Amino acid sequence: MSTSATSQLPSSGFEAGIQFPRDLSFPAVDGGEPKTIADFAGQKLVLHIFASW
């Protein structure tokens, strides 16, 4: 993307180098106990966040 195109994108609220909130919790896929980002410390983690509205 060109500089002019990226300057028109809305801000995500996050900047490179800023740590993701470790207390963010979400339900476990298998129906078990809820998980937090801190539960995955030291591991690679991919979050797929979407909305259906």
Protein backbone atom coordinates (compact mmCIF):
# COMPACT_ATOMS: atom_id res chain seq x y z
CA MET A 1 0.00 0.00 0.00
CA SER A 2 1.14 3.45 -0.66
CA THR A 3 1.68 5.93 2.14
CA SER A 4 -1.38 7.97 1.16
CA ALA A 5 -3.59 4.86 1.22
CA THR A 6 -2.38 3.72 4.64
CA SER A 7 -2.85 7.17 6.12
CA GLN A 8 -6.56 6.91 5.29
CA LEU A 9 -7.07 3.64 7.19
CA PRO A 10 -8.75 3.85 10.61
CA SER A 11 -6.56 3.37 13.65
CA SER A 12 -6.69 -0.10 15.22
CA GLY A 13 -5.87 1.25 18.67
CA PHE A 14 -2.70 -0.86 18.79
CA GLU A 15 0.83 0.05 17.79
CA ALA A 16 3.73 -2.21 16.84
CA GLY A 17 5.71 -3.21 19.91
CA ILE A 18 2.82 -2.70 22.33
CA GLN A 19 2.03 -5.89 24.27
CA PHE A 20 -1.42 -7.37 23.86
CA PRO A 21 -3.56 -7.28 27.05
CA ARG A 22 -2.78 -10.53 28.91
CA ASP A 23 -6.04 -10.50 30.88
CA LEU A 24 -8.23 -10.78 27.76
CA SER A 25 -10.38 -13.88 28.31
CA PHE A 26 -12.46 -15.97 25.94
CA PRO A 27 -14.42 -19.26 26.10
CA ALA A 28 -12.53 -22.48 25.46
CA VAL A 29 -13.31 -24.13 22.13
CA ASP A 30 -13.83 -27.50 23.83
CA GLY A 31 -16.32 -26.08 26.34
CA GLY A 32 -13.83 -26.20 29.22
CA GLU A 33 -12.68 -23.40 31.47
CA PRO A 34 -12.31 -19.95 29.88
CA LYS A 35 -8.78 -19.12 28.67
CA THR A 36 -6.74 -15.93 28.86
CA ILE A 37 -3.87 -14.71 26.72
CA ALA A 38 -1.58 -15.34 29.73
CA ASP A 39 -2.44 -19.08 29.51
CA PHE A 40 -0.48 -19.19 26.25
CA ALA A 41 2.64 -17.36 27.45
CA GLY A 42 5.73 -18.50 25.52
CA GLN A 43 3.66 -20.14 22.77
CA LYS A 44 2.70 -18.89 19.35
CA LEU A 45 -0.93 -17.90 19.24
CA VAL A 46 -3.18 -16.96 16.33
CA LEU A 47 -6.41 -15.13 17.16
CA HIS A 48 -9.18 -15.13 14.58
CA ILE A 49 -11.57 -12.40 15.69
CA PHE A 50 -14.62 -11.63 13.61
CA ALA A 51 -18.09 -10.16 13.87
CA SER A 52 -21.24 -11.27 12.11
CA TRP A 53 -23.33 -8.15 12.28
